[in-house]
Amino acid sequence: MNSNKQDEKIAKMTFASVYPHYINKVERKGRTKAELLAVIQWLCAFDEQKLEELIESKVNFEAFFAEANLNPNARLITGKICGISVESIENPLTQKVRYLDKIVDELAKGRKMEKILRNDL
């Protein structure tokens, strides 16, 4: 699939359709929903109530990130997701979605919260 088609597909995907997979992924690895909420809050500046509203509204990722106040340290998120370095993704929306995927992966893999949140880097 070419990157434009992939970018369009990601933009139209609803956060509500992906969120349960994030919860399952982290809980299977011994992490908690509260920790997942903490990393989403760090990245997007959503509190739990706002996140629930976005889930209930079934917003797509484009609308989800349009409402987000992306953490300035998000640019420090590096590494590969689906074989692609997140720092080299050119489409801004796709990059934000992959930032989220990457920190969820880090949480599931047992990385310490202070490392995931990149506050001290």
PDB file of N, CA and C in Angstrom:
ATOM      1  N   MET A   1       0.859  -1.181   0.000  1.00  0.00           N
ATOM      2  CA  MET A   1       0.000   0.000   0.000  1.00  0.00           C
ATOM      3  C   MET A   1       0.898   1.234   0.000  1.00  0.00           C
ATOM      4  N   ASN A   2       0.605   2.214  -0.868  1.00  0.00           N
ATOM      5  CA  ASN A   2       1.458   3.404  -0.866  1.00  0.00           C
ATOM      6  C   ASN A   2       1.184   4.249   0.366  1.00  0.00           C
ATOM      7  N   SER A   3       2.117   5.139   0.671  1.00  0.00           N
ATOM      8  CA  SER A   3       2.028   5.858   1.937  1.00  0.00           C
ATOM      9  C   SER A   3       0.825   6.795   1.992  1.00  0.00           C
ATOM     10  N   ASN A   4       0.398   7.371   0.860  1.00  0.00           N
ATOM     11  CA  ASN A   4      -0.778   8.239   0.885  1.00  0.00           C
ATOM     12  C   ASN A   4      -2.031   7.466   1.259  1.00  0.00           C
ATOM     13  N   LYS A   5      -2.182   6.275   0.692  1.00  0.00           N
ATOM     14  CA  LYS A   5      -3.337   5.437   1.032  1.00  0.00           C
ATOM     15  C   LYS A   5      -3.284   5.035   2.509  1.00  0.00           C
ATOM     16  N   GLN A   6      -2.082   4.681   2.987  1.00  0.00           N
ATOM     17  CA  GLN A   6      -1.908   4.303   4.385  1.00  0.00           C
ATOM     18  C   GLN A   6      -2.227   5.494   5.294  1.00  0.00           C
ATOM     19  N   ASP A   7      -1.764   6.686   4.933  1.00  0.00           N
ATOM     20  CA  ASP A   7      -2.038   7.891   5.721  1.00  0.00           C
ATOM     21  C   ASP A   7      -3.540   8.163   5.793  1.00  0.00           C
ATOM     22  N   GLU A   8      -4.229   8.010   4.662  1.00  0.00           N
ATOM     23  CA  GLU A   8      -5.685   8.216   4.630  1.00  0.00           C
ATOM     24  C   GLU A   8      -6.403   7.199   5.502  1.00  0.00           C
ATOM     25  N   LYS A   9      -5.961   5.960   5.429  1.00  0.00           N
ATOM     26  CA  LYS A   9      -6.564   4.892   6.227  1.00  0.00           C
ATOM     27  C   LYS A   9      -6.399   5.188   7.726  1.00  0.00           C
ATOM     28  N   ILE A  10      -5.205   5.609   8.120  1.00  0.00           N
ATOM     29  CA  ILE A  10      -4.943   5.929   9.524  1.00  0.00           C
ATOM     30  C   ILE A  10      -5.800   7.113   9.968  1.00  0.00           C
ATOM     31  N   ALA A  11      -5.898   8.145   9.139  1.00  0.00           N
ATOM     32  CA  ALA A  11      -6.670   9.338   9.486  1.00  0.00           C
ATOM     33  C   ALA A  11      -8.140   9.013   9.734  1.00  0.00           C
ATOM     34  N   LYS A  12      -8.681   8.060   8.961  1.00  0.00           N
ATOM     35  CA  LYS A  12     -10.108   7.724   9.069  1.00  0.00           C
ATOM     36  C   LYS A  12     -10.414   6.696  10.163  1.00  0.00           C
ATOM     37  N   MET A  13      -9.392   6.004  10.639  1.00  0.00           N
ATOM     38  CA  MET A  13      -9.580   4.999  11.687  1.00  0.00           C
ATOM     39  C   MET A  13     -10.040   5.694  12.974  1.00  0.00           C
ATOM     40  N   THR A  14     -10.995   5.100  13.669  1.00  0.00           N
ATOM     41  CA  THR A  14     -11.464   5.729  14.904  1.00  0.00           C
ATOM     42  C   THR A  14     -10.586   5.324  16.080  1.00  0.00           C
ATOM     43  N   PHE A  15     -10.374   6.293  16.966  1.00  0.00           N
ATOM     44  CA  PHE A  15      -9.613   6.007  18.180  1.00  0.00           C
ATOM     45  C   PHE A  15     -10.337   4.930  18.988  1.00  0.00           C
ATOM     46  N   ALA A  16     -11.669   4.993  19.025  1.00  0.00           N
ATOM     47  CA  ALA A  16     -12.463   4.028  19.791  1.00  0.00           C
ATOM     48  C   ALA A  16     -12.245   2.596  19.320  1.00  0.00           C
ATOM     49  N   SER A  17     -11.925   2.408  18.048  1.00  0.00           N
ATOM     50  CA  SER A  17     -11.705   1.049  17.526  1.00  0.00           C
ATOM     51  C   SER A  17     -10.342   0.507  17.933  1.00  0.00           C
ATOM     52  N   VAL A  18      -9.386   1.389  18.210  1.00  0.00           N
ATOM     53  CA  VAL A  18      -8.026   0.984  18.540  1.00  0.00           C
ATOM     54  C   VAL A  18      -7.799   0.906  20.053  1.00  0.00           C
ATOM     55  N   TYR A  19      -8.473   1.773  20.792  1.00  0.00           N
ATOM     56  CA  TYR A  19      -8.267   1.874  22.238  1.00  0.00           C
ATOM     57  C   TYR A  19      -8.401   0.538  22.979  1.00  0.00           C
ATOM     58  N   PRO A  20      -9.435  -0.283  22.714  1.00  0.00           N
ATOM     59  CA  PRO A  20      -9.524  -1.577  23.413  1.00  0.00           C
ATOM     60  C   PRO A  20      -8.305  -2.471  23.159  1.00  0.00           C
ATOM     61  N   HIS A  21      -7.720  -2.364  21.965  1.00  0.00           N
ATOM     62  CA  HIS A  21      -6.516  -3.139  21.646  1.00  0.00           C
ATOM     63  C   HIS A  21      -5.327  -2.651  22.473  1.00  0.00           C
ATOM     64  N   TYR A  22      -5.251  -1.333  22.659  1.00  0.00           N
ATOM     65  CA  TYR A  22      -4.198  -0.782  23.522  1.00  0.00           C
ATOM     66  C   TYR A  22      -4.352  -1.322  24.948  1.00  0.00           C
ATOM     67  N   ILE A  23      -5.582  -1.295  25.465  1.00  0.00           N
ATOM     68  CA  ILE A  23      -5.832  -1.787  26.830  1.00  0.00           C
ATOM     69  C   ILE A  23      -5.429  -3.253  26.943  1.00  0.00           C
ATOM     70  N   ASN A  24      -5.900  -4.078  26.011  1.00  0.00           N
ATOM     71  CA  ASN A  24      -5.566  -5.513  26.042  1.00  0.00           C
ATOM     72  C   ASN A  24      -4.067  -5.740  25.973  1.00  0.00           C
ATOM     73  N   LYS A  25      -3.398  -5.003  25.111  1.00  0.00           N
ATOM     74  CA  LYS A  25      -1.956  -5.167  24.919  1.00  0.00           C
ATOM     75  C   LYS A  25      -1.198  -4.888  26.208  1.00  0.00           C
ATOM     76  N   VAL A  26      -1.514  -3.769  26.867  1.00  0.00           N
ATOM     77  CA  VAL A  26      -0.762  -3.433  28.080  1.00  0.00           C
ATOM     78  C   VAL A  26      -1.143  -4.327  29.252  1.00  0.00           C
ATOM     79  N   GLU A  27      -2.428  -4.676  29.366  1.00  0.00           N
ATOM     80  CA  GLU A  27      -2.855  -5.530  30.485  1.00  0.00           C
ATOM     81  C   GLU A  27      -2.314  -6.951  30.361  1.00  0.00           C
ATOM     82  N   ARG A  28      -2.208  -7.455  29.138  1.00  0.00           N
ATOM     83  CA  ARG A  28      -1.619  -8.784  28.933  1.00  0.00           C
ATOM     84  C   ARG A  28      -0.172  -8.833  29.414  1.00  0.00           C
ATOM     85  N   LYS A  29       0.482  -7.695  29.359  1.00  0.00           N
ATOM     86  CA  LYS A  29       1.894  -7.615  29.757  1.00  0.00           C
ATOM     87  C   LYS A  29       2.070  -7.128  31.192  1.00  0.00           C
ATOM     88  N   GLY A  30       0.958  -7.106  31.955  1.00  0.00           N
ATOM     89  CA  GLY A  30       1.060  -6.763  33.369  1.00  0.00           C
ATOM     90  C   GLY A  30       1.023  -5.275  33.687  1.00  0.00           C
ATOM     91  N   ARG A  31       0.697  -4.456  32.714  1.00  0.00           N
ATOM     92  CA  ARG A  31       0.561  -3.024  32.973  1.00  0.00           C
ATOM     93  C   ARG A  31      -0.915  -2.712  33.156  1.00  0.00           C
ATOM     94  N   THR A  32      -1.226  -1.483  33.571  1.00  0.00           N
ATOM     95  CA  THR A  32      -2.611  -1.144  33.912  1.00  0.00           C
ATOM     96  C   THR A  32      -3.219  -0.131  32.942  1.00  0.00           C
ATOM     97  N   LYS A  33      -4.553  -0.094  32.972  1.00  0.00           N
ATOM     98  CA  LYS A  33      -5.273   0.905  32.190  1.00  0.00           C
ATOM     99  C   LYS A  33      -4.887   2.304  32.679  1.00  0.00           C
ATOM    100  N   ALA A  34      -4.680   2.463  33.984  1.00  0.00           N
ATOM    101  CA  ALA A  34      -4.275   3.764  34.535  1.00  0.00           C
ATOM    102  C   ALA A  34      -2.938   4.216  33.945  1.00  0.00           C
ATOM    103  N   GLU A  35      -2.011   3.278  33.766  1.00  0.00           N
ATOM    104  CA  GLU A  35      -0.723   3.625  33.152  1.00  0.00           C
ATOM    105  C   GLU A  35      -0.919   4.011  31.686  1.00  0.00           C
ATOM    106  N   LEU A  36      -1.811   3.295  30.999  1.00  0.00           N
ATOM    107  CA  LEU A  36      -2.117   3.628  29.611  1.00  0.00           C
ATOM    108  C   LEU A  36      -2.698   5.035  29.540  1.00  0.00           C
ATOM    109  N   LEU A  37      -3.639   5.340  30.426  1.00  0.00           N
ATOM    110  CA  LEU A  37      -4.228   6.678  30.450  1.00  0.00           C
ATOM    111  C   LEU A  37      -3.156   7.735  30.706  1.00  0.00           C
ATOM    112  N   ALA A  38      -2.206   7.418  31.572  1.00  0.00           N
ATOM    113  CA  ALA A  38      -1.133   8.371  31.889  1.00  0.00           C
ATOM    114  C   ALA A  38      -0.281   8.677  30.664  1.00  0.00           C
ATOM    115  N   VAL A  39       0.039   7.668  29.861  1.00  0.00           N
ATOM    116  CA  VAL A  39       0.870   7.934  28.681  1.00  0.00           C
ATOM    117  C   VAL A  39       0.078   8.684  27.612  1.00  0.00           C
ATOM    118  N   ILE A  40      -1.216   8.376  27.481  1.00  0.00           N
ATOM    119  CA  ILE A  40      -2.050   9.109  26.517  1.00  0.00           C
ATOM    120  C   ILE A  40      -2.202  10.560  26.977  1.00  0.00           C
ATOM    121  N   GLN A  41      -2.409  10.737  28.273  1.00  0.00           N
ATOM    122  CA  GLN A  41      -2.536  12.094  28.811  1.00  0.00           C
ATOM    123  C   GLN A  41      -1.244  12.873  28.592  1.00  0.00           C
ATOM    124  N   TRP A  42      -0.101  12.220  28.815  1.00  0.00           N
ATOM    125  CA  TRP A  42       1.183  12.889  28.599  1.00  0.00           C
ATOM    126  C   TRP A  42       1.323  13.339  27.135  1.00  0.00           C
ATOM    127  N   LEU A  43       0.999  12.444  26.207  1.00  0.00           N
ATOM    128  CA  LEU A  43       1.177  12.756  24.784  1.00  0.00           C
ATOM    129  C   LEU A  43       0.179  13.795  24.288  1.00  0.00           C
ATOM    130  N   CYS A  44      -1.078  13.670  24.688  1.00  0.00           N
ATOM    131  CA  CYS A  44      -2.156  14.451  24.076  1.00  0.00           C
ATOM    132  C   CYS A  44      -2.771  15.526  24.970  1.00  0.00           C
ATOM    133  N   ALA A  45      -2.470  15.487  26.259  1.00  0.00           N
ATOM    134  CA  ALA A  45      -3.037  16.425  27.234  1.00  0.00           C
ATOM    135  C   ALA A  45      -4.555  16.264  27.404  1.00  0.00           C
ATOM    136  N   PHE A  46      -5.050  15.037  27.259  1.00  0.00           N
ATOM    137  CA  PHE A  46      -6.460  14.752  27.523  1.00  0.00           C
ATOM    138  C   PHE A  46      -6.591  14.189  28.925  1.00  0.00           C
ATOM    139  N   ASP A  47      -7.587  14.666  29.681  1.00  0.00           N
ATOM    140  CA  ASP A  47      -7.883  13.998  30.933  1.00  0.00           C
ATOM    141  C   ASP A  47      -8.801  12.812  30.632  1.00  0.00           C
ATOM    142  N   GLU A  48      -9.070  12.014  31.647  1.00  0.00           N
ATOM    143  CA  GLU A  48      -9.855  10.795  31.424  1.00  0.00           C
ATOM    144  C   GLU A  48     -11.248  11.107  30.893  1.00  0.00           C
ATOM    145  N   GLN A  49     -11.865  12.170  31.388  1.00  0.00           N
ATOM    146  CA  GLN A  49     -13.213  12.541  30.938  1.00  0.00           C
ATOM    147  C   GLN A  49     -13.207  12.916  29.453  1.00  0.00           C
ATOM    148  N   LYS A  50     -12.240  13.708  29.037  1.00  0.00           N
ATOM    149  CA  LYS A  50     -12.149  14.108  27.630  1.00  0.00           C
ATOM    150  C   LYS A  50     -11.895  12.887  26.745  1.00  0.00           C
ATOM    151  N   LEU A  51     -11.032  11.992  27.208  1.00  0.00           N
ATOM    152  CA  LEU A  51     -10.755  10.776  26.449  1.00  0.00           C
ATOM    153  C   LEU A  51     -12.025   9.949  26.274  1.00  0.00           C
ATOM    154  N   GLU A  52     -12.811   9.814  27.344  1.00  0.00           N
ATOM    155  CA  GLU A  52     -14.080   9.070  27.262  1.00  0.00           C
ATOM    156  C   GLU A  52     -15.037   9.725  26.259  1.00  0.00           C
ATOM    157  N   GLU A  53     -15.084  11.065  26.269  1.00  0.00           N
ATOM    158  CA  GLU A  53     -15.946  11.778  25.312  1.00  0.00           C
ATOM    159  C   GLU A  53     -15.521  11.474  23.874  1.00  0.00           C
ATOM    160  N   LEU A  54     -14.217  11.487  23.631  1.00  0.00           N
ATOM    161  CA  LEU A  54     -13.717  11.213  22.284  1.00  0.00           C
ATOM    162  C   LEU A  54     -14.015   9.776  21.858  1.00  0.00           C
ATOM    163  N   ILE A  55     -13.932   8.856  22.809  1.00  0.00           N
ATOM    164  CA  ILE A  55     -14.249   7.453  22.518  1.00  0.00           C
ATOM    165  C   ILE A  55     -15.740   7.309  22.205  1.00  0.00           C
ATOM    166  N   GLU A  56     -16.584   7.908  23.049  1.00  0.00           N
ATOM    167  CA  GLU A  56     -18.038   7.822  22.836  1.00  0.00           C
ATOM    168  C   GLU A  56     -18.458   8.470  21.526  1.00  0.00           C
ATOM    169  N   SER A  57     -17.779   9.538  21.148  1.00  0.00           N
ATOM    170  CA  SER A  57     -18.089  10.244  19.898  1.00  0.00           C
ATOM    171  C   SER A  57     -17.564   9.516  18.670  1.00  0.00           C
ATOM    172  N   LYS A  58     -16.744   8.479  18.911  1.00  0.00           N
ATOM    173  CA  LYS A  58     -16.155   7.696  17.828  1.00  0.00           C
ATOM    174  C   LYS A  58     -15.412   8.580  16.822  1.00  0.00           C
ATOM    175  N   VAL A  59     -14.593   9.498  17.359  1.00  0.00           N
ATOM    176  CA  VAL A  59     -13.817  10.381  16.484  1.00  0.00           C
ATOM    177  C   VAL A  59     -12.721   9.587  15.783  1.00  0.00           C
ATOM    178  N   ASN A  60     -12.393  10.022  14.575  1.00  0.00           N
ATOM    179  CA  ASN A  60     -11.282   9.392  13.883  1.00  0.00           C
ATOM    180  C   ASN A  60      -9.975  10.007  14.402  1.00  0.00           C
ATOM    181  N   PHE A  61      -8.854   9.425  13.988  1.00  0.00           N
ATOM    182  CA  PHE A  61      -7.568   9.917  14.484  1.00  0.00           C
ATOM    183  C   PHE A  61      -7.305  11.363  14.068  1.00  0.00           C
ATOM    184  N   GLU A  62      -7.816  11.753  12.913  1.00  0.00           N
ATOM    185  CA  GLU A  62      -7.633  13.133  12.477  1.00  0.00           C
ATOM    186  C   GLU A  62      -8.276  14.096  13.475  1.00  0.00           C
ATOM    187  N   ALA A  63      -9.522  13.824  13.862  1.00  0.00           N
ATOM    188  CA  ALA A  63     -10.214  14.666  14.847  1.00  0.00           C
ATOM    189  C   ALA A  63      -9.600  14.522  16.236  1.00  0.00           C
ATOM    190  N   PHE A  64      -9.185  13.319  16.579  1.00  0.00           N
ATOM    191  CA  PHE A  64      -8.565  13.058  17.879  1.00  0.00           C
ATOM    192  C   PHE A  64      -7.337  13.946  18.071  1.00  0.00           C
ATOM    193  N   PHE A  65      -6.438  13.932  17.096  1.00  0.00           N
ATOM    194  CA  PHE A  65      -5.218  14.719  17.233  1.00  0.00           C
ATOM    195  C   PHE A  65      -5.449  16.205  16.960  1.00  0.00           C
ATOM    196  N   ALA A  66      -6.535  16.555  16.262  1.00  0.00           N
ATOM    197  CA  ALA A  66      -6.869  17.972  16.079  1.00  0.00           C
ATOM    198  C   ALA A  66      -7.214  18.599  17.436  1.00  0.00           C
ATOM    199  N   GLU A  67      -7.778  17.806  18.333  1.00  0.00           N
ATOM    200  CA  GLU A  67      -8.138  18.299  19.670  1.00  0.00           C
ATOM    201  C   GLU A  67      -7.003  18.158  20.676  1.00  0.00           C
ATOM    202  N   ALA A  68      -5.989  17.422  20.326  1.00  0.00           N
ATOM    203  CA  ALA A  68      -4.881  17.179  21.259  1.00  0.00           C
ATOM    204  C   ALA A  68      -3.948  18.386  21.326  1.00  0.00           C
ATOM    205  N   ASN A  69      -3.325  18.527  22.480  1.00  0.00           N
ATOM    206  CA  ASN A  69      -2.257  19.506  22.651  1.00  0.00           C
ATOM    207  C   ASN A  69      -0.994  18.668  22.819  1.00  0.00           C
ATOM    208  N   LEU A  70      -0.367  18.340  21.708  1.00  0.00           N
ATOM    209  CA  LEU A  70       0.748  17.394  21.699  1.00  0.00           C
ATOM    210  C   LEU A  70       1.897  17.871  22.593  1.00  0.00           C
ATOM    211  N   ASN A  71       2.381  16.971  23.417  1.00  0.00           N
ATOM    212  CA  ASN A  71       3.493  17.277  24.311  1.00  0.00           C
ATOM    213  C   ASN A  71       4.711  17.690  23.476  1.00  0.00           C
ATOM    214  N   PRO A  72       5.370  18.790  23.855  1.00  0.00           N
ATOM    215  CA  PRO A  72       6.541  19.220  23.086  1.00  0.00           C
ATOM    216  C   PRO A  72       7.668  18.175  23.073  1.00  0.00           C
ATOM    217  N   ASN A  73       7.704  17.307  24.073  1.00  0.00           N
ATOM    218  CA  ASN A  73       8.727  16.262  24.108  1.00  0.00           C
ATOM    219  C   ASN A  73       8.372  15.050  23.249  1.00  0.00           C
ATOM    220  N   ALA A  74       7.226  15.076  22.577  1.00  0.00           N
ATOM    221  CA  ALA A  74       6.845  13.963  21.698  1.00  0.00           C
ATOM    222  C   ALA A  74       7.900  13.743  20.625  1.00  0.00           C
ATOM    223  N   ARG A  75       8.562  14.801  20.195  1.00  0.00           N
ATOM    224  CA  ARG A  75       9.601  14.675  19.164  1.00  0.00           C
ATOM    225  C   ARG A  75      10.757  13.799  19.630  1.00  0.00           C
ATOM    226  N   LEU A  76      10.851  13.558  20.946  1.00  0.00           N
ATOM    227  CA  LEU A  76      11.904  12.700  21.490  1.00  0.00           C
ATOM    228  C   LEU A  76      11.565  11.212  21.364  1.00  0.00           C
ATOM    229  N   ILE A  77      10.344  10.909  20.924  1.00  0.00           N
ATOM    230  CA  ILE A  77       9.942   9.514  20.720  1.00  0.00           C
ATOM    231  C   ILE A  77      10.602   9.029  19.430  1.00  0.00           C
ATOM    232  N   THR A  78      11.446   8.022  19.567  1.00  0.00           N
ATOM    233  CA  THR A  78      12.149   7.489  18.408  1.00  0.00           C
ATOM    234  C   THR A  78      12.027   5.972  18.410  1.00  0.00           C
ATOM    235  N   GLY A  79      12.411   5.382  17.323  1.00  0.00           N
ATOM    236  CA  GLY A  79      12.355   3.930  17.206  1.00  0.00           C
ATOM    237  C   GLY A  79      11.444   3.525  16.075  1.00  0.00           C
ATOM    238  N   LYS A  80      11.272   2.225  15.940  1.00  0.00           N
ATOM    239  CA  LYS A  80      10.510   1.703  14.805  1.00  0.00           C
ATOM    240  C   LYS A  80       9.149   1.169  15.238  1.00  0.00           C
ATOM    241  N   ILE A  81       8.190   1.433  14.385  1.00  0.00           N
ATOM    242  CA  ILE A  81       6.842   0.871  14.478  1.00  0.00           C
ATOM    243  C   ILE A  81       6.539   0.333  13.091  1.00  0.00           C
ATOM    244  N   CYS A  82       6.170  -0.922  13.017  1.00  0.00           N
ATOM    245  CA  CYS A  82       5.888  -1.561  11.724  1.00  0.00           C
ATOM    246  C   CYS A  82       7.071  -1.411  10.766  1.00  0.00           C
ATOM    247  N   GLY A  83       8.286  -1.456  11.318  1.00  0.00           N
ATOM    248  CA  GLY A  83       9.486  -1.394  10.511  1.00  0.00           C
ATOM    249  C   GLY A  83       9.870  -0.012  10.014  1.00  0.00           C
ATOM    250  N   ILE A  84       9.147   1.015  10.454  1.00  0.00           N
ATOM    251  CA  ILE A  84       9.422   2.384  10.001  1.00  0.00           C
ATOM    252  C   ILE A  84       9.806   3.241  11.203  1.00  0.00           C
ATOM    253  N   SER A  85      10.878   4.018  11.080  1.00  0.00           N
ATOM    254  CA  SER A  85      11.273   4.909  12.176  1.00  0.00           C
ATOM    255  C   SER A  85      10.241   6.008  12.322  1.00  0.00           C
ATOM    256  N   VAL A  86       9.739   6.189  13.532  1.00  0.00           N
ATOM    257  CA  VAL A  86       8.713   7.210  13.747  1.00  0.00           C
ATOM    258  C   VAL A  86       9.248   8.608  13.443  1.00  0.00           C
ATOM    259  N   GLU A  87      10.537   8.826  13.698  1.00  0.00           N
ATOM    260  CA  GLU A  87      11.094  10.159  13.457  1.00  0.00           C
ATOM    261  C   GLU A  87      11.213  10.496  11.974  1.00  0.00           C
ATOM    262  N   SER A  88      11.130   9.497  11.093  1.00  0.00           N
ATOM    263  CA  SER A  88      11.259   9.760   9.654  1.00  0.00           C
ATOM    264  C   SER A  88       9.913   9.829   8.929  1.00  0.00           C
ATOM    265  N   ILE A  89       8.814   9.664   9.651  1.00  0.00           N
ATOM    266  CA  ILE A  89       7.482   9.718   9.021  1.00  0.00           C
ATOM    267  C   ILE A  89       7.181  11.163   8.633  1.00  0.00           C
ATOM    268  N   GLU A  90       6.842  11.368   7.375  1.00  0.00           N
ATOM    269  CA  GLU A  90       6.642  12.728   6.870  1.00  0.00           C
ATOM    270  C   GLU A  90       5.248  13.277   7.124  1.00  0.00           C
ATOM    271  N   ASN A  91       4.222  12.434   7.078  1.00  0.00           N
ATOM    272  CA  ASN A  91       2.852  12.910   7.305  1.00  0.00           C
ATOM    273  C   ASN A  91       2.676  13.210   8.796  1.00  0.00           C
ATOM    274  N   PRO A  92       2.368  14.455   9.159  1.00  0.00           N
ATOM    275  CA  PRO A  92       2.279  14.817  10.585  1.00  0.00           C
ATOM    276  C   PRO A  92       1.256  14.000  11.383  1.00  0.00           C
ATOM    277  N   LEU A  93       0.092  13.734  10.800  1.00  0.00           N
ATOM    278  CA  LEU A  93      -0.918  12.952  11.518  1.00  0.00           C
ATOM    279  C   LEU A  93      -0.457  11.519  11.718  1.00  0.00           C
ATOM    280  N   THR A  94       0.052  10.913  10.670  1.00  0.00           N
ATOM    281  CA  THR A  94       0.546   9.535  10.778  1.00  0.00           C
ATOM    282  C   THR A  94       1.652   9.466  11.823  1.00  0.00           C
ATOM    283  N   GLN A  95       2.520  10.464  11.863  1.00  0.00           N
ATOM    284  CA  GLN A  95       3.591  10.471  12.847  1.00  0.00           C
ATOM    285  C   GLN A  95       3.021  10.530  14.271  1.00  0.00           C
ATOM    286  N   LYS A  96       2.002  11.340  14.497  1.00  0.00           N
ATOM    287  CA  LYS A  96       1.396  11.435  15.831  1.00  0.00           C
ATOM    288  C   LYS A  96       0.771  10.101  16.245  1.00  0.00           C
ATOM    289  N   VAL A  97       0.084   9.455  15.311  1.00  0.00           N
ATOM    290  CA  VAL A  97      -0.517   8.145  15.606  1.00  0.00           C
ATOM    291  C   VAL A  97       0.583   7.137  15.936  1.00  0.00           C
ATOM    292  N   ARG A  98       1.661   7.172  15.202  1.00  0.00           N
ATOM    293  CA  ARG A  98       2.777   6.248  15.453  1.00  0.00           C
ATOM    294  C   ARG A  98       3.506   6.584  16.747  1.00  0.00           C
ATOM    295  N   TYR A  99       3.548   7.861  17.141  1.00  0.00           N
ATOM    296  CA  TYR A  99       4.076   8.215  18.465  1.00  0.00           C
ATOM    297  C   TYR A  99       3.251   7.500  19.534  1.00  0.00           C
ATOM    298  N   LEU A 100       1.927   7.567  19.379  1.00  0.00           N
ATOM    299  CA  LEU A 100       1.044   6.912  20.339  1.00  0.00           C
ATOM    300  C   LEU A 100       1.280   5.407  20.346  1.00  0.00           C
ATOM    301  N   ASP A 101       1.343   4.806  19.168  1.00  0.00           N
ATOM    302  CA  ASP A 101       1.614   3.369  19.076  1.00  0.00           C
ATOM    303  C   ASP A 101       2.929   3.013  19.764  1.00  0.00           C
ATOM    304  N   LYS A 102       3.941   3.844  19.552  1.00  0.00           N
ATOM    305  CA  LYS A 102       5.265   3.572  20.094  1.00  0.00           C
ATOM    306  C   LYS A 102       5.267   3.624  21.620  1.00  0.00           C
ATOM    307  N   ILE A 103       4.618   4.626  22.209  1.00  0.00           N
ATOM    308  CA  ILE A 103       4.639   4.695  23.678  1.00  0.00           C
ATOM    309  C   ILE A 103       3.771   3.604  24.298  1.00  0.00           C
ATOM    310  N   VAL A 104       2.719   3.184  23.600  1.00  0.00           N
ATOM    311  CA  VAL A 104       1.928   2.045  24.076  1.00  0.00           C
ATOM    312  C   VAL A 104       2.787   0.780  24.033  1.00  0.00           C
ATOM    313  N   ASP A 105       3.554   0.601  22.969  1.00  0.00           N
ATOM    314  CA  ASP A 105       4.483  -0.538  22.878  1.00  0.00           C
ATOM    315  C   ASP A 105       5.503  -0.505  24.010  1.00  0.00           C
ATOM    316  N   GLU A 106       6.059   0.664  24.265  1.00  0.00           N
ATOM    317  CA  GLU A 106       7.049   0.783  25.336  1.00  0.00           C
ATOM    318  C   GLU A 106       6.442   0.419  26.689  1.00  0.00           C
ATOM    319  N   LEU A 107       5.215   0.848  26.911  1.00  0.00           N
ATOM    320  CA  LEU A 107       4.514   0.509  28.158  1.00  0.00           C
ATOM    321  C   LEU A 107       4.337  -0.999  28.256  1.00  0.00           C
ATOM    322  N   ALA A 108       3.859  -1.610  27.179  1.00  0.00           N
ATOM    323  CA  ALA A 108       3.627  -3.059  27.161  1.00  0.00           C
ATOM    324  C   ALA A 108       4.918  -3.849  27.350  1.00  0.00           C
ATOM    325  N   LYS A 109       6.015  -3.295  26.886  1.00  0.00           N
ATOM    326  CA  LYS A 109       7.301  -3.997  26.998  1.00  0.00           C
ATOM    327  C   LYS A 109       7.967  -3.799  28.355  1.00  0.00           C
ATOM    328  N   GLY A 110       7.293  -3.069  29.249  1.00  0.00           N
ATOM    329  CA  GLY A 110       7.811  -2.930  30.608  1.00  0.00           C
ATOM    330  C   GLY A 110       8.759  -1.772  30.831  1.00  0.00           C
ATOM    331  N   ARG A 111       8.844  -0.869  29.883  1.00  0.00           N
ATOM    332  CA  ARG A 111       9.722   0.290  30.070  1.00  0.00           C
ATOM    333  C   ARG A 111       9.209   1.134  31.235  1.00  0.00           C
ATOM    334  N   LYS A 112      10.113   1.722  31.977  1.00  0.00           N
ATOM    335  CA  LYS A 112       9.736   2.544  33.131  1.00  0.00           C
ATOM    336  C   LYS A 112       8.988   3.787  32.671  1.00  0.00           C
ATOM    337  N   MET A 113       7.974   4.173  33.454  1.00  0.00           N
ATOM    338  CA  MET A 113       7.141   5.319  33.097  1.00  0.00           C
ATOM    339  C   MET A 113       7.961   6.585  32.869  1.00  0.00           C
ATOM    340  N   GLU A 114       8.956   6.840  33.711  1.00  0.00           N
ATOM    341  CA  GLU A 114       9.732   8.078  33.538  1.00  0.00           C
ATOM    342  C   GLU A 114      10.488   8.088  32.210  1.00  0.00           C
ATOM    343  N   LYS A 115      10.839   6.919  31.701  1.00  0.00           N
ATOM    344  CA  LYS A 115      11.497   6.838  30.383  1.00  0.00           C
ATOM    345  C   LYS A 115      10.476   7.057  29.263  1.00  0.00           C
ATOM    346  N   ILE A 116       9.289   6.454  29.416  1.00  0.00           N
ATOM    347  CA  ILE A 116       8.244   6.593  28.404  1.00  0.00           C
ATOM    348  C   ILE A 116       7.819   8.070  28.292  1.00  0.00           C
ATOM    349  N   LEU A 117       7.691   8.722  29.428  1.00  0.00           N
ATOM    350  CA  LEU A 117       7.188  10.098  29.446  1.00  0.00           C
ATOM    351  C   LEU A 117       8.245  11.131  29.056  1.00  0.00           C
ATOM    352  N   ARG A 118       9.479  10.715  28.985  1.00  0.00           N
ATOM    353  CA  ARG A 118      10.552  11.547  28.447  1.00  0.00           C
ATOM    354  C   ARG A 118      10.608  12.938  29.064  1.00  0.00           C
ATOM    355  N   ASN A 119      10.274  13.013  30.329  1.00  0.00           N
ATOM    356  CA  ASN A 119      10.293  14.312  30.998  1.00  0.00           C
ATOM    357  C   ASN A 119      11.684  14.748  31.398  1.00  0.00           C
ATOM    358  N   ASP A 120      12.572  13.801  31.597  1.00  0.00           N
ATOM    359  CA  ASP A 120      13.912  14.134  32.089  1.00  0.00           C
ATOM    360  C   ASP A 120      14.966  14.068  30.994  1.00  0.00           C
ATOM    361  N   LEU A 121      14.543  13.957  29.741  1.00  0.00           N
ATOM    362  CA  LEU A 121      15.528  13.845  28.655  1.00  0.00           C
ATOM    363  C   LEU A 121      15.996  15.214  28.197  1.00  0.00           C
TER     364      LEU A 121
END
